[in-house]
């Protein structure tokens, strides 16, 4: 039986910050790699490699992946949503900047906050927590406002794909928390999502007419390795592990850090200027996270 915790501890906060830091870097990395490796082909290689790594991990750890536990239907649904999310991300990065895509992608906590309490009543947000969620989201928009009004190359198609990806991510979290998937191992939960996507993406890539060029530069090889080992395997396994042990609404709000990290990596990679606006927005995100994770005051009997 998996022990669930009502609040985030030091381990959870450390893992969440590490994941968000990498995910912010990953958006920039994917965008940079699209120039060499077509988006869906890139995603296919990444997901196939991560599925193989996870399978080897489970063999080593003796984690059962194919035992009957009633989670198949929900697992296939979660895998389909996960795959659709990443299809939207990789395709969207063709039409818009990494930072602009990221701000729409990370609307996912709103879907989680709105829908999870319908099935998991213990995770209903109080007014103060809603205020924290709103504070964090407004901070992200405020920090990225220069991208919206500064003439960045972007189209409505990329924006809509990113917004759809955020919704699909939120719906994936809802399916996990409201079904038998909340009681399976993190490895099996991730395997559902990686395996379904790994099977679907090659066909989607070919259907889009992408060229499968197998001669990669050193940068392309390193990018695929980092996306596969750290991104699709290690960071997602940590995320699935946390979803099974901590409140989904509280861990999901941490993803608001990712767009800010993406902006920082974009500045370091592309030479963009880090402004006081960004630093102020990061402070607002931190405040929002504190409000969402604030414990209710104990009620004392009269």
C-alpha atoms as a PDB file:
ATOM      1  CA  UNK A   1       0.000   0.000   0.000  1.00  0.00           C
ATOM      2  CA  UNK A   2       1.444   3.392  -1.039  1.00  0.00           C
ATOM      3  CA  UNK A   3       1.594   5.886   1.819  1.00  0.00           C
ATOM      4  CA  UNK A   4       0.102   9.219   0.778  1.00  0.00           C
ATOM      5  CA  UNK A   5       1.139  12.463   2.447  1.00  0.00           C
ATOM      6  CA  UNK A   6      -1.057  15.503   2.951  1.00  0.00           C
ATOM      7  CA  UNK A   7       1.748  18.054   2.526  1.00  0.00           C
ATOM      8  CA  UNK A   8       5.003  18.435   0.625  1.00  0.00           C
ATOM      9  CA  UNK A   9       8.192  17.546   2.491  1.00  0.00           C
ATOM     10  CA  UNK A  10      11.808  18.512   1.746  1.00  0.00           C
ATOM     11  CA  UNK A  11      12.314  15.577  -0.619  1.00  0.00           C
ATOM     12  CA  UNK A  12       9.254  16.485  -2.680  1.00  0.00           C
ATOM     13  CA  UNK A  13      10.214  20.155  -2.916  1.00  0.00           C
ATOM     14  CA  UNK A  14      13.780  19.280  -3.969  1.00  0.00           C
ATOM     15  CA  UNK A  15      12.591  16.853  -6.658  1.00  0.00           C
ATOM     16  CA  UNK A  16      10.006  19.309  -7.933  1.00  0.00           C
ATOM     17  CA  UNK A  17      12.522  22.143  -8.269  1.00  0.00           C
ATOM     18  CA  UNK A  18      14.980  19.835 -10.017  1.00  0.00           C
ATOM     19  CA  UNK A  19      12.331  18.649 -12.484  1.00  0.00           C
ATOM     20  CA  UNK A  20      11.126  22.174 -13.205  1.00  0.00           C
ATOM     21  CA  UNK A  21      14.697  23.375 -13.722  1.00  0.00           C
ATOM     22  CA  UNK A  22      15.326  20.674 -16.298  1.00  0.00           C
ATOM     23  CA  UNK A  23      11.948  21.075 -18.015  1.00  0.00           C
ATOM     24  CA  UNK A  24      12.648  24.770 -18.467  1.00  0.00           C
ATOM     25  CA  UNK A  25      15.926  23.862 -20.179  1.00  0.00           C
ATOM     26  CA  UNK A  26      14.297  21.083 -22.173  1.00  0.00           C
ATOM     27  CA  UNK A  27      11.897  23.365 -24.049  1.00  0.00           C
ATOM     28  CA  UNK A  28      14.836  25.421 -25.325  1.00  0.00           C
ATOM     29  CA  UNK A  29      16.773  22.251 -26.168  1.00  0.00           C
ATOM     30  CA  UNK A  30      13.918  20.764 -28.211  1.00  0.00           C
ATOM     31  CA  UNK A  31      13.473  24.038 -30.075  1.00  0.00           C
ATOM     32  CA  UNK A  32      17.183  24.140 -30.919  1.00  0.00           C
ATOM     33  CA  UNK A  33      17.196  20.519 -32.109  1.00  0.00           C
ATOM     34  CA  UNK A  34      14.216  20.863 -34.471  1.00  0.00           C
ATOM     35  CA  UNK A  35      16.502  22.557 -36.998  1.00  0.00           C
ATOM     36  CA  UNK A  36      18.379  19.245 -37.338  1.00  0.00           C
ATOM     37  CA  UNK A  37      15.857  16.534 -36.395  1.00  0.00           C
ATOM     38  CA  UNK A  38      12.183  16.778 -37.382  1.00  0.00           C
ATOM     39  CA  UNK A  39       9.927  17.239 -34.338  1.00  0.00           C
ATOM     40  CA  UNK A  40       7.887  14.015 -34.354  1.00  0.00           C
ATOM     41  CA  UNK A  41      10.898  11.941 -35.432  1.00  0.00           C
ATOM     42  CA  UNK A  42      12.846  13.531 -32.575  1.00  0.00           C
ATOM     43  CA  UNK A  43      10.049  12.688 -30.143  1.00  0.00           C
ATOM     44  CA  UNK A  44       9.809   9.121 -31.498  1.00  0.00           C
ATOM     45  CA  UNK A  45      13.493   8.445 -30.836  1.00  0.00           C
ATOM     46  CA  UNK A  46      13.265   9.986 -27.388  1.00  0.00           C
ATOM     47  CA  UNK A  47      10.203   8.006 -26.336  1.00  0.00           C
ATOM     48  CA  UNK A  48      11.442   4.701 -27.743  1.00  0.00           C
ATOM     49  CA  UNK A  49      14.724   5.100 -25.891  1.00  0.00           C
ATOM     50  CA  UNK A  50      13.022   6.062 -22.648  1.00  0.00           C
ATOM     51  CA  UNK A  51      10.639   3.084 -22.901  1.00  0.00           C
ATOM     52  CA  UNK A  52      13.598   0.723 -23.314  1.00  0.00           C
ATOM     53  CA  UNK A  53      15.408   2.309 -20.351  1.00  0.00           C
ATOM     54  CA  UNK A  54      12.331   2.024 -18.168  1.00  0.00           C
ATOM     55  CA  UNK A  55      11.821  -1.629 -19.123  1.00  0.00           C
ATOM     56  CA  UNK A  56      15.458  -2.403 -18.197  1.00  0.00           C
ATOM     57  CA  UNK A  57      15.037  -0.480 -14.932  1.00  0.00           C
ATOM     58  CA  UNK A  58      11.964  -2.554 -14.071  1.00  0.00           C
ATOM     59  CA  UNK A  59      13.787  -5.803 -14.849  1.00  0.00           C
ATOM     60  CA  UNK A  60      16.615  -4.746 -12.548  1.00  0.00           C
ATOM     61  CA  UNK A  61      14.275  -3.580  -9.785  1.00  0.00           C
ATOM     62  CA  UNK A  62      11.888  -6.502 -10.362  1.00  0.00           C
ATOM     63  CA  UNK A  63       8.940  -4.176 -10.790  1.00  0.00           C
ATOM     64  CA  UNK A  64       6.006  -6.026 -12.416  1.00  0.00           C
ATOM     65  CA  UNK A  65       4.633  -4.224 -15.468  1.00  0.00           C
ATOM     66  CA  UNK A  66       2.127  -6.711 -16.832  1.00  0.00           C
ATOM     67  CA  UNK A  67       0.305  -7.978 -13.741  1.00  0.00           C
ATOM     68  CA  UNK A  68      -3.488  -7.659 -13.798  1.00  0.00           C
ATOM     69  CA  UNK A  69      -4.557  -4.892 -11.440  1.00  0.00           C
ATOM     70  CA  UNK A  70      -7.516  -3.321 -13.229  1.00  0.00           C
ATOM     71  CA  UNK A  71      -5.509  -0.313 -14.440  1.00  0.00           C
ATOM     72  CA  UNK A  72      -5.296  -1.152 -18.157  1.00  0.00           C
ATOM     73  CA  UNK A  73      -8.153   1.040 -19.415  1.00  0.00           C
ATOM     74  CA  UNK A  74      -7.077   4.058 -17.380  1.00  0.00           C
ATOM     75  CA  UNK A  75      -3.444   3.433 -18.340  1.00  0.00           C
ATOM     76  CA  UNK A  76      -4.224   3.422 -22.052  1.00  0.00           C
ATOM     77  CA  UNK A  77      -6.235   6.629 -21.625  1.00  0.00           C
ATOM     78  CA  UNK A  78      -3.389   8.303 -19.724  1.00  0.00           C
ATOM     79  CA  UNK A  79      -0.942   7.142 -22.370  1.00  0.00           C
ATOM     80  CA  UNK A  80      -3.093   8.562 -25.154  1.00  0.00           C
ATOM     81  CA  UNK A  81      -3.397  11.932 -23.384  1.00  0.00           C
ATOM     82  CA  UNK A  82       0.338  11.975 -22.670  1.00  0.00           C
ATOM     83  CA  UNK A  83       1.165  11.240 -26.297  1.00  0.00           C
ATOM     84  CA  UNK A  84      -1.243  13.882 -27.579  1.00  0.00           C
ATOM     85  CA  UNK A  85       0.300  16.422 -25.204  1.00  0.00           C
ATOM     86  CA  UNK A  86       3.807  15.847 -26.493  1.00  0.00           C
ATOM     87  CA  UNK A  87       2.681  15.824 -30.100  1.00  0.00           C
ATOM     88  CA  UNK A  88       1.261  19.305 -29.478  1.00  0.00           C
ATOM     89  CA  UNK A  89       4.496  20.436 -27.817  1.00  0.00           C
ATOM     90  CA  UNK A  90       6.860  19.219 -30.529  1.00  0.00           C
ATOM     91  CA  UNK A  91       4.655  20.439 -33.368  1.00  0.00           C
ATOM     92  CA  UNK A  92       3.945  23.747 -31.625  1.00  0.00           C
ATOM     93  CA  UNK A  93       7.644  24.519 -31.303  1.00  0.00           C
ATOM     94  CA  UNK A  94       7.802  24.738 -35.085  1.00  0.00           C
ATOM     95  CA  UNK A  95       5.529  27.773 -35.059  1.00  0.00           C
ATOM     96  CA  UNK A  96       6.306  29.668 -31.868  1.00  0.00           C
ATOM     97  CA  UNK A  97       9.145  30.408 -29.487  1.00  0.00           C
ATOM     98  CA  UNK A  98       9.989  28.113 -26.593  1.00  0.00           C
ATOM     99  CA  UNK A  99       9.122  30.751 -23.983  1.00  0.00           C
ATOM    100  CA  UNK A 100       5.774  31.612 -25.573  1.00  0.00           C
ATOM    101  CA  UNK A 101       4.834  27.947 -25.901  1.00  0.00           C
ATOM    102  CA  UNK A 102       5.815  27.294 -22.295  1.00  0.00           C
ATOM    103  CA  UNK A 103       3.492  29.916 -20.817  1.00  0.00           C
ATOM    104  CA  UNK A 104       0.496  28.302 -22.510  1.00  0.00           C
ATOM    105  CA  UNK A 105       1.667  24.776 -21.696  1.00  0.00           C
ATOM    106  CA  UNK A 106       1.862  25.531 -17.995  1.00  0.00           C
ATOM    107  CA  UNK A 107      -1.801  26.361 -17.676  1.00  0.00           C
ATOM    108  CA  UNK A 108      -2.090  22.679 -16.699  1.00  0.00           C
ATOM    109  CA  UNK A 109      -2.388  23.348 -12.915  1.00  0.00           C
ATOM    110  CA  UNK A 110      -5.675  25.140 -13.543  1.00  0.00           C
ATOM    111  CA  UNK A 111      -7.152  22.037 -15.118  1.00  0.00           C
ATOM    112  CA  UNK A 112      -5.837  19.967 -12.211  1.00  0.00           C
ATOM    113  CA  UNK A 113      -7.157  22.382  -9.585  1.00  0.00           C
ATOM    114  CA  UNK A 114     -10.550  22.580 -11.281  1.00  0.00           C
ATOM    115  CA  UNK A 115     -11.111  18.888 -11.977  1.00  0.00           C
ATOM    116  CA  UNK A 116      -9.254  16.796  -9.377  1.00  0.00           C
ATOM    117  CA  UNK A 117     -11.477  17.947  -6.449  1.00  0.00           C
ATOM    118  CA  UNK A 118     -14.518  16.568  -8.321  1.00  0.00           C
ATOM    119  CA  UNK A 119     -13.163  13.061  -7.678  1.00  0.00           C
ATOM    120  CA  UNK A 120     -10.678  13.561  -4.817  1.00  0.00           C
ATOM    121  CA  UNK A 121     -12.543  15.674  -2.268  1.00  0.00           C
ATOM    122  CA  UNK A 122      -9.570  15.848   0.106  1.00  0.00           C
ATOM    123  CA  UNK A 123      -7.729  18.023  -2.437  1.00  0.00           C
ATOM    124  CA  UNK A 124     -10.306  20.799  -2.638  1.00  0.00           C
ATOM    125  CA  UNK A 125      -8.589  24.177  -2.655  1.00  0.00           C
ATOM    126  CA  UNK A 126      -9.474  26.881  -0.178  1.00  0.00           C
ATOM    127  CA  UNK A 127      -9.804  30.564  -1.116  1.00  0.00           C
ATOM    128  CA  UNK A 128      -6.272  31.368  -0.014  1.00  0.00           C
ATOM    129  CA  UNK A 129      -4.905  28.552  -2.175  1.00  0.00           C
ATOM    130  CA  UNK A 130      -6.866  29.768  -5.188  1.00  0.00           C
ATOM    131  CA  UNK A 131      -5.325  33.177  -4.574  1.00  0.00           C
ATOM    132  CA  UNK A 132      -1.866  31.596  -4.563  1.00  0.00           C
ATOM    133  CA  UNK A 133      -2.572  29.759  -7.819  1.00  0.00           C
ATOM    134  CA  UNK A 134      -3.784  32.965  -9.449  1.00  0.00           C
ATOM    135  CA  UNK A 135      -0.783  34.879  -8.122  1.00  0.00           C
ATOM    136  CA  UNK A 136       1.623  32.355  -9.633  1.00  0.00           C
ATOM    137  CA  UNK A 137      -0.086  32.323 -13.002  1.00  0.00           C
ATOM    138  CA  UNK A 138      -0.279  36.116 -13.251  1.00  0.00           C
ATOM    139  CA  UNK A 139       3.429  36.233 -12.386  1.00  0.00           C
ATOM    140  CA  UNK A 140       4.240  33.943 -15.310  1.00  0.00           C
ATOM    141  CA  UNK A 141       2.228  36.079 -17.721  1.00  0.00           C
ATOM    142  CA  UNK A 142       3.837  39.222 -16.312  1.00  0.00           C
ATOM    143  CA  UNK A 143       7.355  37.817 -16.713  1.00  0.00           C
ATOM    144  CA  UNK A 144       6.724  36.758 -20.292  1.00  0.00           C
ATOM    145  CA  UNK A 145       4.775  39.838 -21.371  1.00  0.00           C
ATOM    146  CA  UNK A 146       7.787  41.102 -23.283  1.00  0.00           C
ATOM    147  CA  UNK A 147       7.546  37.995 -25.448  1.00  0.00           C
ATOM    148  CA  UNK A 148       3.938  38.815 -26.269  1.00  0.00           C
ATOM    149  CA  UNK A 149       4.454  42.475 -27.124  1.00  0.00           C
ATOM    150  CA  UNK A 150       8.080  42.499 -28.214  1.00  0.00           C
ATOM    151  CA  UNK A 151       7.601  41.227 -31.755  1.00  0.00           C
ATOM    152  CA  UNK A 152       8.622  37.584 -31.153  1.00  0.00           C
ATOM    153  CA  UNK A 153       7.975  35.268 -34.101  1.00  0.00           C
ATOM    154  CA  UNK A 154       4.794  33.396 -33.259  1.00  0.00           C
ATOM    155  CA  UNK A 155       1.539  32.261 -34.791  1.00  0.00           C
ATOM    156  CA  UNK A 156      -1.923  31.422 -33.534  1.00  0.00           C
ATOM    157  CA  UNK A 157      -1.314  27.805 -34.541  1.00  0.00           C
ATOM    158  CA  UNK A 158       1.592  27.414 -32.133  1.00  0.00           C
ATOM    159  CA  UNK A 159      -0.306  29.152 -29.341  1.00  0.00           C
ATOM    160  CA  UNK A 160      -3.324  26.871 -29.756  1.00  0.00           C
ATOM    161  CA  UNK A 161      -1.147  23.753 -29.839  1.00  0.00           C
ATOM    162  CA  UNK A 162       0.581  24.869 -26.625  1.00  0.00           C
ATOM    163  CA  UNK A 163      -2.726  25.602 -24.919  1.00  0.00           C
ATOM    164  CA  UNK A 164      -4.023  22.187 -25.975  1.00  0.00           C
ATOM    165  CA  UNK A 165      -0.857  20.581 -24.567  1.00  0.00           C
ATOM    166  CA  UNK A 166      -1.458  22.276 -21.209  1.00  0.00           C
ATOM    167  CA  UNK A 167      -5.021  21.004 -21.107  1.00  0.00           C
ATOM    168  CA  UNK A 168      -3.915  17.468 -22.024  1.00  0.00           C
ATOM    169  CA  UNK A 169      -1.240  17.490 -19.303  1.00  0.00           C
ATOM    170  CA  UNK A 170      -3.810  18.573 -16.742  1.00  0.00           C
ATOM    171  CA  UNK A 171      -6.260  15.901 -17.910  1.00  0.00           C
ATOM    172  CA  UNK A 172      -3.538  13.251 -17.666  1.00  0.00           C
ATOM    173  CA  UNK A 173      -2.967  14.210 -14.033  1.00  0.00           C
ATOM    174  CA  UNK A 174      -6.714  14.058 -13.366  1.00  0.00           C
ATOM    175  CA  UNK A 175      -6.961  10.564 -14.877  1.00  0.00           C
ATOM    176  CA  UNK A 176      -4.046   9.380 -12.747  1.00  0.00           C
ATOM    177  CA  UNK A 177      -5.437  10.753  -9.493  1.00  0.00           C
ATOM    178  CA  UNK A 178      -9.064   9.714 -10.094  1.00  0.00           C
ATOM    179  CA  UNK A 179      -8.459   6.114 -11.220  1.00  0.00           C
ATOM    180  CA  UNK A 180      -6.680   2.905 -10.235  1.00  0.00           C
ATOM    181  CA  UNK A 181      -3.488   4.423 -11.603  1.00  0.00           C
ATOM    182  CA  UNK A 182      -3.056   6.258  -8.298  1.00  0.00           C
ATOM    183  CA  UNK A 183      -2.362   2.849  -6.715  1.00  0.00           C
ATOM    184  CA  UNK A 184       0.100   1.399  -9.227  1.00  0.00           C
ATOM    185  CA  UNK A 185       3.867   1.811  -9.097  1.00  0.00           C
ATOM    186  CA  UNK A 186       5.451   4.923 -10.583  1.00  0.00           C
ATOM    187  CA  UNK A 187       7.281   2.698 -13.068  1.00  0.00           C
ATOM    188  CA  UNK A 188       4.108   1.094 -14.388  1.00  0.00           C
ATOM    189  CA  UNK A 189       2.361   4.453 -14.522  1.00  0.00           C
ATOM    190  CA  UNK A 190       5.146   5.917 -16.648  1.00  0.00           C
ATOM    191  CA  UNK A 191       5.390   2.773 -18.776  1.00  0.00           C
ATOM    192  CA  UNK A 192       1.767   3.155 -19.862  1.00  0.00           C
ATOM    193  CA  UNK A 193       2.458   6.678 -21.068  1.00  0.00           C
ATOM    194  CA  UNK A 194       5.827   6.101 -22.713  1.00  0.00           C
ATOM    195  CA  UNK A 195       4.876   2.826 -24.411  1.00  0.00           C
ATOM    196  CA  UNK A 196       1.615   4.107 -25.920  1.00  0.00           C
ATOM    197  CA  UNK A 197       3.374   7.219 -27.216  1.00  0.00           C
ATOM    198  CA  UNK A 198       6.386   5.294 -28.505  1.00  0.00           C
ATOM    199  CA  UNK A 199       4.080   3.081 -30.564  1.00  0.00           C
ATOM    200  CA  UNK A 200       2.032   5.964 -31.975  1.00  0.00           C
ATOM    201  CA  UNK A 201       4.669   8.588 -32.762  1.00  0.00           C
ATOM    202  CA  UNK A 202       6.556   6.833 -35.616  1.00  0.00           C
ATOM    203  CA  UNK A 203       3.300   6.448 -37.547  1.00  0.00           C
ATOM    204  CA  UNK A 204       2.443  10.083 -36.862  1.00  0.00           C
ATOM    205  CA  UNK A 205       5.887  11.192 -38.019  1.00  0.00           C
ATOM    206  CA  UNK A 206       5.572   9.257 -41.273  1.00  0.00           C
ATOM    207  CA  UNK A 207       2.018  10.517 -41.733  1.00  0.00           C
ATOM    208  CA  UNK A 208       3.312  14.089 -41.538  1.00  0.00           C
ATOM    209  CA  UNK A 209       5.902  13.311 -44.205  1.00  0.00           C
ATOM    210  CA  UNK A 210       8.925  13.910 -41.978  1.00  0.00           C
ATOM    211  CA  UNK A 211      12.334  12.828 -43.277  1.00  0.00           C
ATOM    212  CA  UNK A 212      14.041  10.204 -41.121  1.00  0.00           C
ATOM    213  CA  UNK A 213      17.665  11.304 -41.368  1.00  0.00           C
ATOM    214  CA  UNK A 214      19.908   9.101 -39.225  1.00  0.00           C
ATOM    215  CA  UNK A 215      23.126  11.115 -39.543  1.00  0.00           C
ATOM    216  CA  UNK A 216      23.192  13.319 -36.442  1.00  0.00           C
ATOM    217  CA  UNK A 217      25.697  15.929 -35.382  1.00  0.00           C
ATOM    218  CA  UNK A 218      27.367  15.751 -31.978  1.00  0.00           C
ATOM    219  CA  UNK A 219      24.829  18.295 -30.733  1.00  0.00           C
ATOM    220  CA  UNK A 220      21.918  16.198 -32.034  1.00  0.00           C
ATOM    221  CA  UNK A 221      23.240  13.065 -30.315  1.00  0.00           C
ATOM    222  CA  UNK A 222      23.768  14.835 -26.989  1.00  0.00           C
ATOM    223  CA  UNK A 223      20.353  16.494 -27.226  1.00  0.00           C
ATOM    224  CA  UNK A 224      18.581  13.179 -27.848  1.00  0.00           C
ATOM    225  CA  UNK A 225      20.519  11.532 -25.008  1.00  0.00           C
ATOM    226  CA  UNK A 226      19.660  14.281 -22.537  1.00  0.00           C
ATOM    227  CA  UNK A 227      15.995  14.366 -23.599  1.00  0.00           C
ATOM    228  CA  UNK A 228      15.767  10.586 -23.305  1.00  0.00           C
ATOM    229  CA  UNK A 229      17.716   9.747 -20.139  1.00  0.00           C
ATOM    230  CA  UNK A 230      17.021  12.807 -17.993  1.00  0.00           C
ATOM    231  CA  UNK A 231      13.812  14.094 -19.539  1.00  0.00           C
ATOM    232  CA  UNK A 232      11.583  11.218 -20.602  1.00  0.00           C
ATOM    233  CA  UNK A 233      13.017   8.684 -18.128  1.00  0.00           C
ATOM    234  CA  UNK A 234      14.416  10.132 -14.890  1.00  0.00           C
ATOM    235  CA  UNK A 235      12.404  13.341 -14.487  1.00  0.00           C
ATOM    236  CA  UNK A 236       9.075  11.782 -15.515  1.00  0.00           C
ATOM    237  CA  UNK A 237       9.656   8.775 -13.268  1.00  0.00           C
ATOM    238  CA  UNK A 238      10.242  11.169 -10.366  1.00  0.00           C
ATOM    239  CA  UNK A 239       7.073  13.081 -11.300  1.00  0.00           C
ATOM    240  CA  UNK A 240       4.966   9.890 -11.423  1.00  0.00           C
ATOM    241  CA  UNK A 241       6.414   8.795  -8.084  1.00  0.00           C
ATOM    242  CA  UNK A 242       5.376  12.106  -6.524  1.00  0.00           C
ATOM    243  CA  UNK A 243       1.876  11.981  -8.037  1.00  0.00           C
ATOM    244  CA  UNK A 244       1.317   8.718  -6.198  1.00  0.00           C
ATOM    245  CA  UNK A 245       2.426  10.090  -2.827  1.00  0.00           C
ATOM    246  CA  UNK A 246       1.620  13.808  -2.616  1.00  0.00           C
ATOM    247  CA  UNK A 247      -1.455  15.982  -3.331  1.00  0.00           C
ATOM    248  CA  UNK A 248      -1.674  16.602  -7.081  1.00  0.00           C
ATOM    249  CA  UNK A 249      -2.938  20.161  -6.683  1.00  0.00           C
ATOM    250  CA  UNK A 250       0.042  21.119  -4.512  1.00  0.00           C
ATOM    251  CA  UNK A 251       2.767  19.567  -6.652  1.00  0.00           C
ATOM    252  CA  UNK A 252       1.216  20.842  -9.890  1.00  0.00           C
ATOM    253  CA  UNK A 253       1.548  24.485  -8.839  1.00  0.00           C
ATOM    254  CA  UNK A 254       5.338  24.077  -8.829  1.00  0.00           C
ATOM    255  CA  UNK A 255       5.291  23.798 -12.613  1.00  0.00           C
ATOM    256  CA  UNK A 256       4.874  27.575 -12.677  1.00  0.00           C
ATOM    257  CA  UNK A 257       8.612  27.723 -12.045  1.00  0.00           C
ATOM    258  CA  UNK A 258       9.313  26.057 -15.394  1.00  0.00           C
ATOM    259  CA  UNK A 259       8.452  28.999 -17.696  1.00  0.00           C
ATOM    260  CA  UNK A 260      10.696  31.223 -15.624  1.00  0.00           C
ATOM    261  CA  UNK A 261      13.531  28.725 -15.835  1.00  0.00           C
ATOM    262  CA  UNK A 262      12.886  28.503 -19.592  1.00  0.00           C
ATOM    263  CA  UNK A 263      13.266  32.259 -19.818  1.00  0.00           C
ATOM    264  CA  UNK A 264      16.537  32.113 -17.873  1.00  0.00           C
ATOM    265  CA  UNK A 265      17.944  29.376 -20.109  1.00  0.00           C
ATOM    266  CA  UNK A 266      16.779  31.271 -23.154  1.00  0.00           C
ATOM    267  CA  UNK A 267      18.677  34.294 -21.893  1.00  0.00           C
ATOM    268  CA  UNK A 268      21.830  32.258 -21.299  1.00  0.00           C
ATOM    269  CA  UNK A 269      21.591  30.420 -24.629  1.00  0.00           C
ATOM    270  CA  UNK A 270      20.306  33.220 -26.868  1.00  0.00           C
ATOM    271  CA  UNK A 271      21.811  36.183 -25.039  1.00  0.00           C
ATOM    272  CA  UNK A 272      18.454  37.597 -23.953  1.00  0.00           C
ATOM    273  CA  UNK A 273      18.515  40.153 -21.140  1.00  0.00           C
ATOM    274  CA  UNK A 274      17.257  39.141 -17.675  1.00  0.00           C
ATOM    275  CA  UNK A 275      15.174  42.045 -16.421  1.00  0.00           C
ATOM    276  CA  UNK A 276      13.996  43.138 -12.963  1.00  0.00           C
ATOM    277  CA  UNK A 277      10.518  42.139 -14.171  1.00  0.00           C
ATOM    278  CA  UNK A 278      11.643  38.510 -14.286  1.00  0.00           C
ATOM    279  CA  UNK A 279      13.133  38.639 -10.801  1.00  0.00           C
ATOM    280  CA  UNK A 280       9.943  40.211  -9.431  1.00  0.00           C
ATOM    281  CA  UNK A 281       7.828  37.567 -11.148  1.00  0.00           C
ATOM    282  CA  UNK A 282       9.929  34.793  -9.621  1.00  0.00           C
ATOM    283  CA  UNK A 283       9.231  36.285  -6.203  1.00  0.00           C
ATOM    284  CA  UNK A 284       5.491  36.276  -6.996  1.00  0.00           C
ATOM    285  CA  UNK A 285       5.662  32.622  -8.032  1.00  0.00           C
ATOM    286  CA  UNK A 286       7.375  31.779  -4.758  1.00  0.00           C
ATOM    287  CA  UNK A 287       4.610  33.613  -2.879  1.00  0.00           C
ATOM    288  CA  UNK A 288       1.955  31.719  -4.818  1.00  0.00           C
ATOM    289  CA  UNK A 289       3.561  28.397  -3.958  1.00  0.00           C
ATOM    290  CA  UNK A 290       3.681  29.328  -0.282  1.00  0.00           C
ATOM    291  CA  UNK A 291      -0.037  30.190  -0.323  1.00  0.00           C
ATOM    292  CA  UNK A 292      -1.040  26.981  -2.097  1.00  0.00           C
ATOM    293  CA  UNK A 293       0.980  24.837   0.313  1.00  0.00           C
ATOM    294  CA  UNK A 294      -0.018  26.696   3.462  1.00  0.00           C
ATOM    295  CA  UNK A 295      -1.605  24.389   5.987  1.00  0.00           C
ATOM    296  CA  UNK A 296      -4.988  25.358   7.384  1.00  0.00           C
ATOM    297  CA  UNK A 297      -4.955  26.761  10.891  1.00  0.00           C
ATOM    298  CA  UNK A 298      -5.921  24.169  13.511  1.00  0.00           C
ATOM    299  CA  UNK A 299      -9.419  24.484  14.907  1.00  0.00           C
ATOM    300  CA  UNK A 300      -9.433  24.629  18.713  1.00  0.00           C
ATOM    301  CA  UNK A 301     -12.558  23.645  20.620  1.00  0.00           C
ATOM    302  CA  UNK A 302     -14.111  26.397  22.680  1.00  0.00           C
END
